[in-house]
Amino acid sequence: MSVDPTSAEITRKAKSNLAFALRCVPTERRQHLVSFYAFCRVIDDLADDLDLPIEEKKKGLAGWKKIFETNTPDPALGLEDLQSEVLKVRDLYEIPSEYFTNVIEGCQMDLHPQRFGTWPDLQEYTYRVASSVGLVCLPLFGADPKRSHDYAIALGDALQLTNILRDIAEDLSNGARIYVPLHDLGRFTYTERDLIGRVHDGRFMAFMAYQADRCEELYQKATDLLPPEDHKALLAPRVMHRIYHTLLQKMRADNFRVFDKRYRLSKLHKLSLLVKERFS
């Protein structure tokens, strides 16, 4: 299956760490991952488009979800070649449609201001938008989907929670979204109002350290669950692990100044992590 130039262009323009990690995937497998990544990017951008009325967002996401039910591209959605590619990838690797629609449902949740009471509540969201992405990618990477299933879920949780901590200010500015568990805020007598007011004090740093500790546990869990037989095939997610874990450590060392800066790694730094992981 050749890659639609649209998919390749979407991936080329992306600045995400996942797009970066795809560089270490063998060429013969990369084309399918590029198509799936383009699908994820289109769905995410549709949900986050500030200029699009919410009813149009709902209609678009529902339309994308329906193509997995009807197994037929919808010309009204545009990007027909991408729709066809994603359905072909699903069928070629015998991936459950549920994993694809989970991603869409996660983005549908983003259409309204987010609030999650507890970590298990938030975990339902991270499963949809991150772990399900990993579950789709397992056979595309050449790993055994059953053997590496729990690994993909744990790593998805770790990556998405790290992303949530990094993007707290950005999410507040985008529809007052709050993804951190509200119950955990209360544990440190830090309120939702404090968060919206971007209060950076000892309570906030203690709360963030608590979340970072949870991330550390999830990264360790993923490490423990990585099947030795799939170690080589899962180089790309291992690189993602290194990149996001490094971001987490960078935030912690800087006292979680997420209200006034967005933590990033330089391209050179990411390349060095890729090289280290390749030879680990």
Protein backbone atom coordinates (compact mmCIF):
# COMPACT_ATOMS: atom_id res chain seq x y z
CA MET A 1 0.00 0.00 0.00
CA SER A 2 1.53 3.29 -1.06
CA VAL A 3 1.22 6.31 1.20
CA ASP A 4 -1.15 9.06 0.12
CA PRO A 5 0.86 12.29 -0.20
CA THR A 6 -1.69 13.83 2.17
CA SER A 7 -0.73 11.40 4.95
CA ALA A 8 2.96 11.92 4.36
CA GLU A 9 2.52 15.70 4.35
CA ILE A 10 0.50 15.68 7.59
CA THR A 11 3.20 13.63 9.29
CA ARG A 12 6.04 15.71 7.83
CA LYS A 13 4.56 18.94 9.18
CA ALA A 14 3.87 17.50 12.63
CA LYS A 15 6.19 18.54 15.43
CA SER A 16 5.05 15.80 17.80
CA ASN A 17 7.33 13.35 19.56
CA LEU A 18 5.43 10.43 18.03
CA ALA A 19 6.13 11.69 14.52
CA PHE A 20 9.79 11.99 15.52
CA ALA A 21 9.88 8.44 16.92
CA LEU A 22 8.58 7.02 13.64
CA ARG A 23 11.98 7.79 12.14
CA CYS A 24 13.40 4.68 13.75
CA VAL A 25 10.77 2.38 12.22
CA PRO A 26 11.93 0.26 9.24
CA THR A 27 10.86 1.74 5.90
CA GLU A 28 8.70 -1.23 4.97
CA ARG A 29 6.55 -0.69 8.07
CA ARG A 30 6.66 3.09 8.26
CA GLN A 31 4.08 3.72 5.53
CA HIS A 32 1.28 2.11 7.53
CA LEU A 33 2.26 4.01 10.66
CA VAL A 34 2.33 7.27 8.70
CA SER A 35 -1.26 6.65 7.58
CA PHE A 36 -2.40 5.90 11.12
CA TYR A 37 -0.53 8.89 12.52
CA ALA A 38 -2.18 11.14 9.93
CA PHE A 39 -5.57 9.78 11.00
CA CYS A 40 -4.80 10.59 14.66
CA ARG A 41 -3.59 14.07 13.72
CA VAL A 42 -6.72 14.83 11.67
CA ILE A 43 -9.04 13.66 14.48
CA ASP A 44 -7.14 15.63 17.13
CA ASP A 45 -6.98 18.80 15.01
CA LEU A 46 -10.70 18.54 14.28
CA ALA A 47 -11.52 18.45 17.99
CA ASP A 48 -9.13 21.32 18.79
CA ASP A 49 -10.03 23.66 15.90
CA LEU A 50 -10.93 26.91 17.68
CA ASP A 51 -12.51 28.38 14.53
CA LEU A 52 -14.92 25.50 13.92
CA PRO A 53 -18.39 25.56 15.54
CA ILE A 54 -18.88 22.76 18.04
CA GLU A 55 -21.75 21.25 16.02
CA GLU A 56 -19.43 20.93 13.03
CA LYS A 57 -16.84 19.25 15.22
CA LYS A 58 -19.43 16.79 16.52
CA LYS A 59 -20.62 16.05 13.00
CA GLY A 60 -17.08 15.52 11.71
CA LEU A 61 -16.01 13.21 14.54
CA ALA A 62 -19.25 11.22 14.29
CA GLY A 63 -18.63 10.87 10.55
CA TRP A 64 -15.12 9.52 11.07
CA LYS A 65 -16.45 7.09 13.65
CA LYS A 66 -19.11 5.87 11.25
CA ILE A 67 -16.62 4.84 8.56
CA PHE A 68 -15.43 2.07 10.90
CA GLU A 69 -19.00 0.87 11.29
CA THR A 70 -19.90 0.98 7.59
CA ASN A 71 -16.40 0.07 6.34
CA THR A 72 -16.91 2.72 3.67
CA PRO A 73 -15.19 6.11 3.17
CA ASP A 74 -17.48 9.13 3.35
CA PRO A 75 -16.82 11.75 0.62
CA ALA A 76 -18.49 14.42 2.78
CA LEU A 77 -15.61 14.20 5.27
CA GLY A 78 -12.91 14.89 2.71
CA LEU A 79 -9.55 13.09 2.79
CA GLU A 80 -11.10 10.02 1.14
CA ASP A 81 -7.70 8.52 0.38
CA LEU A 82 -6.74 8.74 4.06
CA GLN A 83 -10.02 7.14 5.08
CA SER A 84 -9.37 4.26 2.67
CA GLU A 85 -5.78 3.88 3.90
CA VAL A 86 -6.81 3.60 7.54
CA LEU A 87 -9.48 1.00 6.76
CA LYS A 88 -6.89 -0.98 4.76
CA VAL A 89 -4.43 -0.83 7.66
CA ARG A 90 -7.14 -2.05 10.03
CA ASP A 91 -8.01 -4.98 7.76
CA LEU A 92 -4.43 -5.88 6.85
CA TYR A 93 -3.38 -6.27 10.48
CA GLU A 94 -6.79 -7.46 11.74
CA ILE A 95 -6.97 -4.65 14.30
CA PRO A 96 -10.25 -4.26 16.20
CA SER A 97 -12.23 -1.22 15.01
CA GLU A 98 -12.79 -0.44 18.68
CA TYR A 99 -9.19 0.78 19.02
CA PHE A 100 -9.69 3.35 16.26
CA THR A 101 -13.07 4.51 17.54
CA ASN A 102 -11.64 4.80 21.07
CA VAL A 103 -9.34 7.53 19.74
CA ILE A 104 -12.31 9.35 18.22
CA GLU A 105 -14.35 9.01 21.41
CA GLY A 106 -11.48 10.45 23.42
CA CYS A 107 -11.44 13.50 21.15
CA GLN A 108 -15.22 13.75 21.43
CA MET A 109 -14.71 14.08 25.19
CA ASP A 110 -12.48 17.09 24.50
CA LEU A 111 -15.36 19.03 22.98
CA HIS A 112 -16.54 20.00 26.45
CA PRO A 113 -14.68 21.39 29.48
CA GLN A 114 -12.94 18.44 31.09
CA ARG A 115 -13.20 17.38 34.72
CA PHE A 116 -12.06 14.06 36.18
CA GLY A 117 -12.67 13.16 39.82
CA THR A 118 -10.09 10.44 40.37
CA TRP A 119 -7.16 8.79 38.62
CA PRO A 120 -9.33 5.80 37.54
CA ASP A 121 -11.72 8.32 35.95
CA LEU A 122 -8.85 9.98 34.10
CA GLN A 123 -7.45 6.59 33.14
CA GLU A 124 -10.58 5.90 31.07
CA TYR A 125 -9.63 8.97 29.01
CA THR A 126 -5.92 8.12 28.74
CA TYR A 127 -6.87 4.64 27.57
CA ARG A 128 -8.87 6.12 24.69
CA VAL A 129 -6.47 8.80 23.50
CA ALA A 130 -3.10 7.16 24.23
CA SER A 131 -3.22 3.47 25.10
CA SER A 132 -5.56 2.72 22.18
CA VAL A 133 -3.06 4.41 19.86
CA GLY A 134 -0.40 2.06 21.20
CA LEU A 135 -2.64 -0.97 20.75
CA VAL A 136 -3.20 -0.09 17.09
CA CYS A 137 0.52 0.40 16.58
CA LEU A 138 1.70 -2.90 18.11
CA PRO A 139 1.19 -5.05 14.98
CA LEU A 140 2.33 -2.15 12.78
CA PHE A 141 5.64 -2.14 14.68
CA GLY A 142 5.91 -5.90 14.22
CA ALA A 143 5.20 -6.78 17.87
CA ASP A 144 2.82 -9.46 19.09
CA PRO A 145 -0.47 -7.65 19.96
CA LYS A 146 -1.41 -10.11 22.72
CA ARG A 147 2.04 -10.38 24.25
CA SER A 148 2.59 -6.60 24.37
CA HIS A 149 -1.01 -5.58 25.12
CA ASP A 150 -0.49 -4.62 28.78
CA TYR A 151 2.78 -2.87 27.96
CA ALA A 152 0.99 -0.60 25.47
CA ILE A 153 -1.67 0.31 28.02
CA ALA A 154 0.82 1.15 30.78
CA LEU A 155 3.06 3.19 28.48
CA GLY A 156 0.04 5.04 27.05
CA ASP A 157 -1.02 6.02 30.58
CA ALA A 158 2.50 7.23 31.41
CA LEU A 159 2.94 9.26 28.23
CA GLN A 160 -0.48 10.88 28.40
CA LEU A 161 -0.22 11.81 32.08
CA THR A 162 3.18 13.38 31.41
CA ASN A 163 1.62 15.29 28.52
CA ILE A 164 -1.23 16.45 30.77
CA LEU A 165 1.18 17.79 33.39
CA ARG A 166 3.22 19.63 30.77
CA ASP A 167 0.16 21.16 29.11
CA ILE A 168 -1.78 22.32 32.17
CA ALA A 169 -1.62 26.02 31.22
CA GLU A 170 -2.38 25.38 27.55
CA ASP A 171 -5.44 23.30 28.45
CA LEU A 172 -6.71 25.98 30.83
CA SER A 173 -6.46 28.51 28.01
CA ASN A 174 -8.31 26.17 25.63
CA GLY A 175 -11.81 26.04 27.06
CA ALA A 176 -10.79 25.82 30.74
CA ARG A 177 -9.95 22.15 30.36
CA ILE A 178 -8.63 20.46 33.49
CA TYR A 179 -7.34 16.93 33.05
CA VAL A 180 -5.66 16.33 36.42
CA PRO A 181 -7.74 14.39 39.00
CA LEU A 182 -9.69 16.83 41.19
CA HIS A 183 -9.54 14.43 44.14
CA ASP A 184 -5.76 14.69 44.08
CA LEU A 185 -5.96 18.49 44.13
CA GLY A 186 -7.93 18.22 47.36
CA ARG A 187 -5.29 15.99 48.86
CA PHE A 188 -2.99 19.03 48.88
CA THR A 189 -5.71 21.59 49.76
CA TYR A 190 -5.19 23.10 46.31
CA THR A 191 -8.45 24.02 44.61
CA GLU A 192 -9.76 24.13 41.07
CA ARG A 193 -9.95 27.90 41.52
CA ASP A 194 -6.24 27.95 42.45
CA LEU A 195 -5.44 26.02 39.29
CA ILE A 196 -7.48 28.33 37.08
CA GLY A 197 -5.75 31.26 38.81
CA ARG A 198 -2.40 29.61 38.03
CA VAL A 199 -1.26 29.71 41.66
CA HIS A 200 2.27 28.28 41.82
CA ASP A 201 3.09 27.60 45.46
CA GLY A 202 4.18 24.78 47.74
CA ARG A 203 0.80 23.08 47.50
CA PHE A 204 0.97 23.06 43.71
CA MET A 205 4.51 21.70 43.63
CA ALA A 206 3.55 18.96 46.10
CA PHE A 207 0.55 18.06 43.96
CA MET A 208 2.67 17.96 40.81
CA ALA A 209 5.33 15.85 42.54
CA TYR A 210 2.58 13.40 43.50
CA GLN A 211 1.45 13.15 39.88
CA ALA A 212 5.06 12.83 38.71
CA ASP A 213 5.54 9.94 41.13
CA ARG A 214 2.50 8.27 39.57
CA CYS A 215 4.11 8.76 36.16
CA GLU A 216 7.33 7.17 37.40
CA GLU A 217 5.39 4.13 38.59
CA LEU A 218 3.69 3.84 35.20
CA TYR A 219 6.99 4.12 33.30
CA GLN A 220 8.45 1.40 35.52
CA LYS A 221 5.37 -0.74 35.00
CA ALA A 222 5.75 -0.38 31.23
CA THR A 223 9.44 -1.34 31.49
CA ASP A 224 8.54 -4.42 33.50
CA LEU A 225 5.82 -5.42 31.03
CA LEU A 226 7.93 -5.03 27.88
CA PRO A 227 8.29 -8.56 26.43
CA PRO A 228 11.93 -9.37 25.63
CA GLU A 229 10.77 -10.96 22.37
CA ASP A 230 9.35 -7.62 21.22
CA HIS A 231 12.17 -5.42 22.49
CA LYS A 232 13.61 -4.76 19.03
CA ALA A 233 10.22 -4.27 17.31
CA LEU A 234 9.15 -1.75 19.95
CA LEU A 235 12.06 0.64 19.45
CA ALA A 236 9.75 3.57 18.56
CA PRO A 237 7.68 3.40 21.78
CA ARG A 238 10.88 2.87 23.76
CA VAL A 239 12.17 6.14 22.27
CA MET A 240 8.87 7.80 23.21
CA HIS A 241 9.37 6.47 26.74
CA ARG A 242 12.82 8.06 26.93
CA ILE A 243 11.67 11.40 25.52
CA TYR A 244 8.68 11.82 27.80
CA HIS A 245 10.44 10.49 30.86
CA THR A 246 13.18 13.05 30.23
CA LEU A 247 10.54 15.78 29.94
CA LEU A 248 9.07 14.67 33.25
CA GLN A 249 12.48 14.83 34.94
CA LYS A 250 13.06 18.27 33.41
CA MET A 251 9.78 19.57 34.81
CA ARG A 252 10.52 18.17 38.25
CA ALA A 253 14.03 19.66 38.35
CA ASP A 254 12.54 23.05 37.43
CA ASN A 255 9.82 22.96 40.12
CA PHE A 256 7.05 22.40 37.59
CA ARG A 257 6.92 25.92 36.16
CA VAL A 258 4.23 24.84 33.73
CA PHE A 259 2.23 28.08 34.02
CA ASP A 260 4.92 30.23 32.46
CA LYS A 261 6.78 27.86 30.13
CA ARG A 262 6.22 24.84 27.92
CA TYR A 263 8.83 22.16 28.37
CA ARG A 264 10.46 20.81 25.23
CA LEU A 265 13.51 18.87 24.18
CA SER A 266 15.66 20.06 21.32
CA LYS A 267 15.83 17.99 18.16
CA LEU A 268 19.47 17.20 18.95
CA HIS A 269 18.56 16.02 22.44
CA LYS A 270 15.83 13.77 21.05
CA LEU A 271 18.24 12.36 18.48
CA SER A 272 20.71 11.52 21.25
CA LEU A 273 17.97 9.70 23.16
CA LEU A 274 17.02 7.80 20.02
CA VAL A 275 20.61 6.67 19.51
CA LYS A 276 20.94 5.62 23.18
CA GLU A 277 17.73 3.59 23.00
CA ARG A 278 18.65 1.98 19.70
CA PHE A 279 21.77 0.49 21.26
CA SER A 280 20.28 -0.36 24.65
